[in-house]
Amino acid sequence: MRLRVQVPTERLLEEDVGKVVAEGVEGSIGILPRHIDYVAVLVPGILTFEEPDGGERLLAVDRGVLVKRGDLVTVSVRDAVRGEDLATLRQTVRERFEKIDQRERGARSALAQLEARFIRHFLQQAEGLRGRG
């Protein structure tokens, strides 16, 4: 079975696997090679997959969709982080969320400044119209 994991900007991985386990809105989903075709909405969580040699790998995934069709399992998510173990993965996810949070705060600040300028300009225009009448 082939696993393909993609985010909006790139394909993160594509490799042969023996098993895929993910978290869906209705609970845990286990996909084996002879599993019927299947579609599931994923929630943020840990996706695990077993490599052909038996090694287990981990991905932290954001919400998205899992589609199993034939021998291909495609996971399309907003974001994903690969990790060697849960502790490393937790730290990597925490650092990524902190970066995203900082960017979002900057964007909110810029938006607030833009809104304040717009309101000031609008009030100045209103004052000008009142002064004429």
N, C-alpha and C. Protein backbone atom coordinates (compact mmCIF):
# COMPACT_ATOMS: atom_id res chain seq x y z
N MET A 1 0.86 -1.17 0.00
CA MET A 1 0.00 0.00 0.00
C MET A 1 0.91 1.23 0.00
N ARG A 2 0.47 2.27 -0.67
CA ARG A 2 1.26 3.50 -0.80
C ARG A 2 0.59 4.61 0.00
N LEU A 3 1.37 5.33 0.81
CA LEU A 3 0.88 6.47 1.58
C LEU A 3 1.44 7.75 0.98
N ARG A 4 0.54 8.68 0.72
CA ARG A 4 0.93 10.01 0.22
C ARG A 4 0.34 11.03 1.20
N VAL A 5 1.21 11.89 1.73
CA VAL A 5 0.75 12.95 2.64
C VAL A 5 1.11 14.28 2.00
N GLN A 6 0.09 15.13 1.86
CA GLN A 6 0.32 16.43 1.23
C GLN A 6 -0.35 17.54 2.03
N VAL A 7 0.32 18.70 1.99
CA VAL A 7 -0.20 19.93 2.55
C VAL A 7 -0.43 20.87 1.36
N PRO A 8 -1.07 22.01 1.55
CA PRO A 8 -1.37 22.87 0.40
C PRO A 8 -0.17 23.26 -0.46
N THR A 9 1.01 23.32 0.12
CA THR A 9 2.16 23.82 -0.64
C THR A 9 3.11 22.73 -1.15
N GLU A 10 2.96 21.50 -0.65
CA GLU A 10 3.91 20.46 -1.08
C GLU A 10 3.43 19.07 -0.70
N ARG A 11 4.08 18.07 -1.30
CA ARG A 11 3.89 16.68 -0.91
C ARG A 11 4.97 16.37 0.13
N LEU A 12 4.55 16.03 1.34
CA LEU A 12 5.52 15.78 2.42
C LEU A 12 6.16 14.41 2.32
N LEU A 13 5.38 13.42 1.94
CA LEU A 13 5.97 12.09 1.81
C LEU A 13 5.12 11.23 0.90
N GLU A 14 5.78 10.27 0.32
CA GLU A 14 5.11 9.23 -0.45
C GLU A 14 5.98 8.00 -0.36
N GLU A 15 5.45 6.97 0.28
CA GLU A 15 6.22 5.74 0.46
C GLU A 15 5.30 4.56 0.70
N ASP A 16 5.88 3.37 0.55
CA ASP A 16 5.13 2.14 0.81
C ASP A 16 4.99 1.94 2.30
N VAL A 17 3.80 1.51 2.72
CA VAL A 17 3.52 1.29 4.13
C VAL A 17 2.71 0.01 4.28
N GLY A 18 2.72 -0.53 5.50
CA GLY A 18 1.94 -1.73 5.79
C GLY A 18 0.65 -1.43 6.52
N LYS A 19 0.60 -0.26 7.17
CA LYS A 19 -0.59 0.10 7.95
C LYS A 19 -0.59 1.60 8.18
N VAL A 20 -1.78 2.21 8.24
CA VAL A 20 -1.94 3.63 8.55
C VAL A 20 -3.01 3.74 9.63
N VAL A 21 -2.73 4.53 10.66
CA VAL A 21 -3.71 4.80 11.72
C VAL A 21 -3.81 6.31 11.89
N ALA A 22 -5.05 6.82 11.84
CA ALA A 22 -5.27 8.26 11.96
C ALA A 22 -6.49 8.51 12.84
N GLU A 23 -6.66 9.77 13.24
CA GLU A 23 -7.80 10.17 14.05
C GLU A 23 -8.82 10.90 13.20
N GLY A 24 -10.01 10.34 13.10
CA GLY A 24 -11.09 10.97 12.36
C GLY A 24 -12.12 11.56 13.29
N VAL A 25 -13.09 12.23 12.73
CA VAL A 25 -14.13 12.84 13.56
C VAL A 25 -14.95 11.79 14.30
N GLU A 26 -14.96 10.57 13.80
CA GLU A 26 -15.71 9.50 14.45
C GLU A 26 -14.82 8.55 15.24
N GLY A 27 -13.54 8.90 15.43
CA GLY A 27 -12.64 8.06 16.20
C GLY A 27 -11.43 7.61 15.39
N SER A 28 -10.72 6.64 15.94
CA SER A 28 -9.50 6.14 15.32
C SER A 28 -9.82 5.31 14.07
N ILE A 29 -8.98 5.48 13.05
CA ILE A 29 -9.16 4.78 11.78
C ILE A 29 -7.91 3.97 11.50
N GLY A 30 -8.06 2.69 11.28
CA GLY A 30 -6.94 1.83 10.91
C GLY A 30 -7.11 1.33 9.50
N ILE A 31 -6.11 1.56 8.66
CA ILE A 31 -6.18 1.14 7.26
C ILE A 31 -5.08 0.11 6.99
N LEU A 32 -5.48 -1.05 6.50
CA LEU A 32 -4.56 -2.11 6.10
C LEU A 32 -4.65 -2.27 4.58
N PRO A 33 -3.68 -2.94 3.95
CA PRO A 33 -3.67 -3.04 2.49
C PRO A 33 -4.96 -3.55 1.84
N ARG A 34 -5.66 -4.46 2.44
CA ARG A 34 -6.88 -5.00 1.81
C ARG A 34 -8.16 -4.30 2.27
N HIS A 35 -8.00 -3.18 2.96
CA HIS A 35 -9.15 -2.40 3.42
C HIS A 35 -9.95 -1.90 2.22
N ILE A 36 -11.27 -1.84 2.36
CA ILE A 36 -12.09 -1.32 1.26
C ILE A 36 -11.78 0.16 1.06
N ASP A 37 -12.14 0.68 -0.10
CA ASP A 37 -11.97 2.10 -0.36
C ASP A 37 -12.74 2.88 0.70
N TYR A 38 -12.18 4.02 1.11
CA TYR A 38 -12.71 4.69 2.30
C TYR A 38 -12.34 6.16 2.27
N VAL A 39 -13.21 7.00 2.83
CA VAL A 39 -12.94 8.43 2.96
C VAL A 39 -13.27 8.83 4.40
N ALA A 40 -12.38 9.63 5.02
CA ALA A 40 -12.62 10.08 6.39
C ALA A 40 -12.15 11.52 6.56
N VAL A 41 -12.89 12.26 7.35
CA VAL A 41 -12.48 13.61 7.74
C VAL A 41 -11.58 13.46 8.96
N LEU A 42 -10.39 14.05 8.89
CA LEU A 42 -9.42 13.93 9.98
C LEU A 42 -9.48 15.13 10.91
N VAL A 43 -9.21 14.87 12.18
CA VAL A 43 -9.09 15.93 13.17
C VAL A 43 -7.61 16.07 13.51
N PRO A 44 -7.19 17.18 14.10
CA PRO A 44 -5.79 17.31 14.50
C PRO A 44 -5.40 16.17 15.44
N GLY A 45 -4.26 15.57 15.17
CA GLY A 45 -3.81 14.45 16.00
C GLY A 45 -2.56 13.82 15.44
N ILE A 46 -2.33 12.58 15.85
CA ILE A 46 -1.15 11.83 15.43
C ILE A 46 -1.56 10.80 14.39
N LEU A 47 -0.87 10.80 13.27
CA LEU A 47 -1.03 9.78 12.24
C LEU A 47 0.19 8.88 12.35
N THR A 48 -0.04 7.58 12.47
CA THR A 48 1.09 6.64 12.51
C THR A 48 1.02 5.77 11.28
N PHE A 49 2.20 5.37 10.82
CA PHE A 49 2.23 4.44 9.70
C PHE A 49 3.39 3.48 9.91
N GLU A 50 3.18 2.27 9.44
CA GLU A 50 4.17 1.20 9.58
C GLU A 50 4.89 1.02 8.26
N GLU A 51 6.20 1.09 8.32
CA GLU A 51 7.01 0.89 7.12
C GLU A 51 7.10 -0.61 6.83
N PRO A 52 7.46 -0.98 5.59
CA PRO A 52 7.53 -2.41 5.24
C PRO A 52 8.46 -3.22 6.16
N ASP A 53 9.51 -2.57 6.71
CA ASP A 53 10.43 -3.29 7.60
C ASP A 53 9.87 -3.41 9.02
N GLY A 54 8.67 -2.88 9.25
CA GLY A 54 8.04 -2.99 10.57
C GLY A 54 8.23 -1.78 11.46
N GLY A 55 9.07 -0.84 11.06
CA GLY A 55 9.27 0.37 11.86
C GLY A 55 8.05 1.27 11.82
N GLU A 56 7.75 1.87 12.95
CA GLU A 56 6.60 2.76 13.03
C GLU A 56 7.06 4.21 12.96
N ARG A 57 6.38 5.02 12.17
CA ARG A 57 6.69 6.44 12.01
C ARG A 57 5.49 7.27 12.42
N LEU A 58 5.76 8.52 12.81
CA LEU A 58 4.73 9.41 13.33
C LEU A 58 4.66 10.72 12.56
N LEU A 59 3.45 11.22 12.42
CA LEU A 59 3.21 12.56 11.87
C LEU A 59 2.16 13.23 12.75
N ALA A 60 2.41 14.46 13.13
CA ALA A 60 1.36 15.25 13.74
C ALA A 60 0.66 15.94 12.58
N VAL A 61 -0.66 15.81 12.51
CA VAL A 61 -1.40 16.39 11.39
C VAL A 61 -2.48 17.32 11.89
N ASP A 62 -2.75 18.32 11.09
CA ASP A 62 -3.87 19.22 11.34
C ASP A 62 -5.10 18.58 10.71
N ARG A 63 -6.21 19.27 10.73
CA ARG A 63 -7.41 18.69 10.14
C ARG A 63 -7.25 18.54 8.63
N GLY A 64 -8.01 17.58 8.11
CA GLY A 64 -7.91 17.32 6.68
C GLY A 64 -8.77 16.14 6.27
N VAL A 65 -8.33 15.44 5.22
CA VAL A 65 -9.10 14.33 4.66
C VAL A 65 -8.16 13.17 4.35
N LEU A 66 -8.64 11.95 4.63
CA LEU A 66 -7.93 10.73 4.26
C LEU A 66 -8.79 10.03 3.22
N VAL A 67 -8.16 9.64 2.11
CA VAL A 67 -8.87 8.90 1.06
C VAL A 67 -8.06 7.64 0.77
N LYS A 68 -8.71 6.48 0.93
CA LYS A 68 -8.08 5.20 0.58
C LYS A 68 -8.78 4.71 -0.67
N ARG A 69 -8.02 4.60 -1.77
CA ARG A 69 -8.58 4.14 -3.03
C ARG A 69 -7.60 3.15 -3.65
N GLY A 70 -8.01 1.93 -3.75
CA GLY A 70 -7.11 0.89 -4.25
C GLY A 70 -5.94 0.74 -3.29
N ASP A 71 -4.73 0.79 -3.84
CA ASP A 71 -3.52 0.66 -3.01
C ASP A 71 -2.98 2.00 -2.53
N LEU A 72 -3.67 3.10 -2.82
CA LEU A 72 -3.17 4.43 -2.45
C LEU A 72 -3.99 5.03 -1.33
N VAL A 73 -3.30 5.47 -0.28
CA VAL A 73 -3.92 6.23 0.81
C VAL A 73 -3.38 7.64 0.71
N THR A 74 -4.26 8.59 0.43
CA THR A 74 -3.86 9.98 0.31
C THR A 74 -4.39 10.74 1.52
N VAL A 75 -3.49 11.44 2.20
CA VAL A 75 -3.86 12.26 3.34
C VAL A 75 -3.55 13.70 2.96
N SER A 76 -4.59 14.52 2.89
CA SER A 76 -4.44 15.94 2.57
C SER A 76 -4.84 16.72 3.81
N VAL A 77 -3.86 17.45 4.36
CA VAL A 77 -4.09 18.20 5.60
C VAL A 77 -3.57 19.62 5.47
N ARG A 78 -4.03 20.50 6.36
CA ARG A 78 -3.56 21.89 6.33
C ARG A 78 -2.10 22.00 6.72
N ASP A 79 -1.65 21.14 7.64
CA ASP A 79 -0.25 21.17 8.07
C ASP A 79 0.10 19.82 8.66
N ALA A 80 1.36 19.45 8.59
CA ALA A 80 1.84 18.18 9.15
C ALA A 80 3.30 18.32 9.53
N VAL A 81 3.68 17.61 10.59
CA VAL A 81 5.05 17.62 11.09
C VAL A 81 5.47 16.18 11.33
N ARG A 82 6.62 15.81 10.79
CA ARG A 82 7.13 14.46 10.98
C ARG A 82 8.01 14.43 12.23
N GLY A 83 7.95 13.32 12.97
CA GLY A 83 8.76 13.18 14.17
C GLY A 83 9.22 11.75 14.37
N GLU A 84 10.32 11.60 15.05
CA GLU A 84 10.87 10.26 15.30
C GLU A 84 10.21 9.58 16.50
N ASP A 85 9.82 10.38 17.50
CA ASP A 85 9.14 9.84 18.67
C ASP A 85 8.18 10.91 19.19
N LEU A 86 7.32 10.53 20.12
CA LEU A 86 6.30 11.47 20.60
C LEU A 86 6.89 12.69 21.27
N ALA A 87 7.96 12.54 22.04
CA ALA A 87 8.55 13.68 22.73
C ALA A 87 9.11 14.69 21.74
N THR A 88 9.85 14.22 20.75
CA THR A 88 10.41 15.11 19.73
C THR A 88 9.31 15.76 18.93
N LEU A 89 8.30 14.98 18.58
CA LEU A 89 7.17 15.49 17.81
C LEU A 89 6.43 16.56 18.59
N ARG A 90 6.20 16.33 19.87
CA ARG A 90 5.51 17.32 20.71
C ARG A 90 6.28 18.64 20.73
N GLN A 91 7.60 18.58 20.89
CA GLN A 91 8.42 19.79 20.93
C GLN A 91 8.38 20.53 19.58
N THR A 92 8.50 19.77 18.49
CA THR A 92 8.46 20.37 17.16
C THR A 92 7.12 21.06 16.91
N VAL A 93 6.03 20.40 17.28
CA VAL A 93 4.70 20.98 17.11
C VAL A 93 4.55 22.24 17.95
N ARG A 94 5.01 22.19 19.19
CA ARG A 94 4.93 23.36 20.08
C ARG A 94 5.68 24.55 19.46
N GLU A 95 6.89 24.31 18.96
CA GLU A 95 7.67 25.39 18.34
C GLU A 95 6.96 25.95 17.10
N ARG A 96 6.39 25.07 16.30
CA ARG A 96 5.69 25.53 15.09
C ARG A 96 4.46 26.36 15.46
N PHE A 97 3.71 25.93 16.47
CA PHE A 97 2.54 26.68 16.90
C PHE A 97 2.93 28.04 17.45
N GLU A 98 4.05 28.12 18.15
CA GLU A 98 4.51 29.41 18.67
C GLU A 98 4.84 30.36 17.52
N LYS A 99 5.49 29.85 16.48
CA LYS A 99 5.80 30.69 15.31
C LYS A 99 4.52 31.16 14.64
N ILE A 100 3.57 30.27 14.47
CA ILE A 100 2.30 30.64 13.85
C ILE A 100 1.58 31.67 14.69
N ASP A 101 1.59 31.48 16.01
CA ASP A 101 0.93 32.42 16.91
C ASP A 101 1.57 33.81 16.81
N GLN A 102 2.90 33.86 16.73
CA GLN A 102 3.59 35.15 16.59
C GLN A 102 3.21 35.83 15.28
N ARG A 103 3.14 35.07 14.20
CA ARG A 103 2.75 35.64 12.90
C ARG A 103 1.32 36.15 12.94
N GLU A 104 0.44 35.38 13.57
CA GLU A 104 -0.96 35.79 13.66
C GLU A 104 -1.11 37.06 14.49
N ARG A 105 -0.34 37.16 15.59
CA ARG A 105 -0.40 38.38 16.40
C ARG A 105 0.07 39.58 15.58
N GLY A 106 1.13 39.40 14.79
CA GLY A 106 1.62 40.48 13.94
C GLY A 106 0.57 40.88 12.90
N ALA A 107 -0.09 39.89 12.32
CA ALA A 107 -1.13 40.19 11.33
C ALA A 107 -2.30 40.90 11.98
N ARG A 108 -2.70 40.47 13.17
CA ARG A 108 -3.81 41.14 13.87
C ARG A 108 -3.44 42.57 14.21
N SER A 109 -2.19 42.81 14.62
CA SER A 109 -1.74 44.15 14.94
C SER A 109 -1.77 45.05 13.71
N ALA A 110 -1.28 44.53 12.60
CA ALA A 110 -1.29 45.31 11.35
C ALA A 110 -2.72 45.62 10.92
N LEU A 111 -3.61 44.66 11.07
CA LEU A 111 -5.00 44.87 10.72
C LEU A 111 -5.64 45.93 11.62
N ALA A 112 -5.33 45.89 12.91
CA ALA A 112 -5.87 46.89 13.84
C ALA A 112 -5.38 48.29 13.48
N GLN A 113 -4.12 48.41 13.10
CA GLN A 113 -3.59 49.72 12.69
C GLN A 113 -4.28 50.21 11.42
N LEU A 114 -4.50 49.31 10.48
CA LEU A 114 -5.18 49.66 9.25
C LEU A 114 -6.61 50.12 9.53
N GLU A 115 -7.30 49.40 10.42
CA GLU A 115 -8.67 49.78 10.78
C GLU A 115 -8.69 51.14 11.47
N ALA A 116 -7.73 51.39 12.36
CA ALA A 116 -7.67 52.68 13.07
C ALA A 116 -7.44 53.82 12.07
N ARG A 117 -6.56 53.62 11.11
CA ARG A 117 -6.33 54.65 10.08
C ARG A 117 -7.59 54.91 9.26
N PHE A 118 -8.27 53.85 8.91
CA PHE A 118 -9.50 53.99 8.14
C PHE A 118 -10.54 54.79 8.93
N ILE A 119 -10.71 54.47 10.20
CA ILE A 119 -11.68 55.18 11.03
C ILE A 119 -11.31 56.64 11.17
N ARG A 120 -10.01 56.92 11.41
CA ARG A 120 -9.57 58.32 11.51
C ARG A 120 -9.85 59.07 10.22
N HIS A 121 -9.54 58.45 9.09
CA HIS A 121 -9.78 59.08 7.80
C HIS A 121 -11.28 59.32 7.60
N PHE A 122 -12.09 58.34 7.95
CA PHE A 122 -13.54 58.47 7.82
C PHE A 122 -14.06 59.61 8.70
N LEU A 123 -13.57 59.70 9.94
CA LEU A 123 -14.01 60.78 10.84
C LEU A 123 -13.56 62.14 10.33
N GLN A 124 -12.34 62.21 9.78
CA GLN A 124 -11.87 63.49 9.23
C GLN A 124 -12.74 63.91 8.04
N GLN A 125 -13.11 62.96 7.21
CA GLN A 125 -13.97 63.27 6.07
C GLN A 125 -15.35 63.74 6.55
N ALA A 126 -15.88 63.09 7.59
CA ALA A 126 -17.18 63.48 8.13
C ALA A 126 -17.12 64.89 8.73
N GLU A 127 -16.02 65.19 9.44
CA GLU A 127 -15.84 66.54 10.01
C GLU A 127 -15.80 67.58 8.91
N GLY A 128 -15.11 67.28 7.83
CA GLY A 128 -15.03 68.20 6.70
C GLY A 128 -16.39 68.47 6.08
N LEU A 129 -17.20 67.43 5.99
CA LEU A 129 -18.54 67.61 5.41
C LEU A 129 -19.43 68.43 6.33
N ARG A 130 -19.30 68.22 7.66
CA ARG A 130 -20.10 69.00 8.62
C ARG A 130 -19.68 70.47 8.61
N GLY A 131 -18.40 70.74 8.42
CA GLY A 131 -17.89 72.11 8.41
C GLY A 131 -18.42 72.89 7.21
N ARG A 132 -18.77 72.20 6.14
CA ARG A 132 -19.27 72.86 4.95
C ARG A 132 -20.76 73.21 5.06
N GLY A 133 -21.48 72.46 5.87
CA GLY A 133 -22.94 72.62 5.89
C GLY A 133 -23.43 73.57 6.87
